[in-house]
C-alpha cells in the first residue's frame, strides 16, 4: 500500500537556493546524509535541503513528519536562536516534528544521533500516525 504524502506549502523561489545548499553541504550534513540516504534508516525516504513554508530544512522525511536540523556555530548567537525558535514553531504548526543536533555531535557521536532518530521512529510507528 502506497503512503499518501501530505503536501506542504513552500516558497518556489527557494528551490534554487535549496539546490545550491545541497551542493555545498557542511561536513556534518554529509556525514548524516550518508546515514539517511537511499532509505538506509528503516526504509524511510529522507530529502536534503527541503523547502517548506519560507524555510529550507536540512533533512525531511514525509512519511515520518520529521525534520532534522544540524546546528553549527552560526546557531550559537542569541539572535539566530530566536529566529530558529520562530521557524521551528511555524513548521511544527504543520504537524512536523523537529530533531536538532549539534554538528559536533554528528561528527563525534554519530551512534547517539542515529539512536535518537531511531527512538523517534519507534515512537512514531507505535503511535500509528499516518
Protein backbone atom coordinates (compact mmCIF):
# COMPACT_ATOMS: atom_id res chain seq x y z
CA UNK A 1 0.00 0.00 0.00
CA UNK A 2 1.42 3.35 -1.03
CA UNK A 3 1.63 6.01 1.67
CA UNK A 4 -0.12 9.27 0.81
CA UNK A 5 2.18 12.23 1.18
CA UNK A 6 0.87 15.39 2.69
CA UNK A 7 1.69 18.39 0.52
CA UNK A 8 3.44 21.11 2.50
CA UNK A 9 3.38 24.70 1.25
CA UNK A 10 6.69 26.22 0.21
CA UNK A 11 8.06 29.27 -1.47
CA UNK A 12 9.05 28.19 -5.03
CA UNK A 13 11.74 30.87 -5.02
CA UNK A 14 13.66 28.70 -2.53
CA UNK A 15 14.16 25.78 -4.94
CA UNK A 16 17.33 27.23 -6.46
CA UNK A 17 18.79 28.07 -3.04
CA UNK A 18 17.96 24.56 -1.79
CA UNK A 19 19.84 23.06 -4.75
CA UNK A 20 22.81 25.31 -4.02
CA UNK A 21 22.79 24.23 -0.36
CA UNK A 22 22.65 20.54 -1.37
CA UNK A 23 25.75 21.09 -3.47
CA UNK A 24 27.56 22.93 -0.65
CA UNK A 25 26.73 20.82 2.40
CA UNK A 26 28.68 21.09 5.62
CA UNK A 27 30.82 18.15 6.70
CA UNK A 28 28.33 17.25 9.44
CA UNK A 29 25.46 17.32 6.93
CA UNK A 30 27.37 15.00 4.59
CA UNK A 31 28.07 12.58 7.45
CA UNK A 32 24.42 12.48 8.48
CA UNK A 33 23.21 12.28 4.88
CA UNK A 34 25.36 9.17 4.41
CA UNK A 35 23.34 7.54 7.21
CA UNK A 36 19.93 8.65 5.88
CA UNK A 37 20.15 8.44 2.09
CA UNK A 38 18.88 5.58 -0.03
CA UNK A 39 16.34 4.61 2.64
CA UNK A 40 19.11 3.29 4.91
CA UNK A 41 17.18 4.23 8.04
CA UNK A 42 14.50 1.55 8.34
CA UNK A 43 13.42 2.10 4.73
CA UNK A 44 12.33 5.72 5.21
CA UNK A 45 12.95 8.23 2.42
CA UNK A 46 14.73 11.39 3.54
CA UNK A 47 15.33 14.50 1.46
CA UNK A 48 18.08 17.09 1.86
CA UNK A 49 17.51 20.83 1.91
CA UNK A 50 13.73 20.60 1.62
CA UNK A 51 11.79 23.88 1.22
CA UNK A 52 8.75 24.17 3.49
CA UNK A 53 6.93 27.47 4.01
CA UNK A 54 9.60 30.16 3.66
CA UNK A 55 12.36 27.96 5.08
CA UNK A 56 14.72 25.21 3.99
CA UNK A 57 15.03 22.16 6.24
CA UNK A 58 18.35 20.33 6.39
CA UNK A 59 16.63 16.92 6.20
CA UNK A 60 12.99 15.94 5.90
CA UNK A 61 11.02 12.69 5.82
CA UNK A 62 7.41 12.93 4.61
CA UNK A 63 6.39 9.54 6.00
CA UNK A 64 7.61 10.38 9.50
CA UNK A 65 6.57 14.06 9.52
CA UNK A 66 10.15 14.60 10.66
CA UNK A 67 12.58 17.48 10.17
CA UNK A 68 16.20 17.05 11.21
CA UNK A 69 18.31 20.13 11.65
CA UNK A 70 22.09 20.32 12.01
CA UNK A 71 23.07 23.27 14.16
CA UNK A 72 26.57 24.57 13.57
CA UNK A 73 28.34 27.57 15.01
CA UNK A 74 26.02 30.00 13.19
CA UNK A 75 23.20 28.87 15.50
CA UNK A 76 25.09 29.95 18.65
CA UNK A 77 24.07 33.61 18.64
CA UNK A 78 21.03 34.73 20.62
CA UNK A 79 19.55 36.39 17.53
CA UNK A 80 19.82 33.17 15.50
CA UNK A 81 18.35 31.11 18.33
CA UNK A 82 15.29 33.37 18.38
CA UNK A 83 14.93 33.02 14.59
CA UNK A 84 15.31 29.23 14.90
CA UNK A 85 12.52 29.09 17.51
CA UNK A 86 10.14 31.10 15.33
CA UNK A 87 10.98 28.98 12.28
CA UNK A 88 10.56 25.75 14.21
CA UNK A 89 7.22 26.84 15.69
CA UNK A 90 5.81 27.76 12.29
CA UNK A 91 6.84 24.41 10.81
CA UNK A 92 5.67 22.42 13.84
CA UNK A 93 2.25 24.04 13.37
CA UNK A 94 2.05 21.93 10.18
CA UNK A 95 2.36 18.75 12.28
CA UNK A 96 6.08 18.27 11.64
CA UNK A 97 8.37 17.18 14.48
CA UNK A 98 11.88 18.61 14.80
CA UNK A 99 15.01 16.83 15.93
CA UNK A 100 18.00 19.15 16.31
CA UNK A 101 21.60 18.02 16.54
CA UNK A 102 24.77 19.97 17.13
CA UNK A 103 27.19 19.45 14.27
CA UNK A 104 29.90 18.37 16.72
CA UNK A 105 27.65 15.57 18.00
CA UNK A 106 27.22 14.35 14.43
CA UNK A 107 30.98 14.42 13.92
CA UNK A 108 31.86 12.71 17.19
CA UNK A 109 28.80 10.77 18.40
CA UNK A 110 27.02 9.54 15.27
CA UNK A 111 25.80 6.37 17.02
CA UNK A 112 23.98 8.52 19.59
CA UNK A 113 22.47 10.71 16.88
CA UNK A 114 21.20 7.70 14.92
CA UNK A 115 19.91 6.15 18.15
CA UNK A 116 17.88 9.28 18.89
CA UNK A 117 16.43 9.30 15.37
CA UNK A 118 15.57 5.59 15.65
CA UNK A 119 13.92 6.25 19.01
CA UNK A 120 11.69 8.84 17.32
CA UNK A 121 10.88 6.36 14.52
CA UNK A 122 9.94 3.68 17.05
CA UNK A 123 7.60 6.04 18.91
CA UNK A 124 6.13 7.25 15.61
CA UNK A 125 5.48 3.71 14.40
CA UNK A 126 3.85 2.71 17.68
CA UNK A 127 1.60 5.77 17.54
CA UNK A 128 0.02 4.54 14.30
CA UNK A 129 0.10 8.07 12.92
CA UNK A 130 -0.35 8.28 9.16
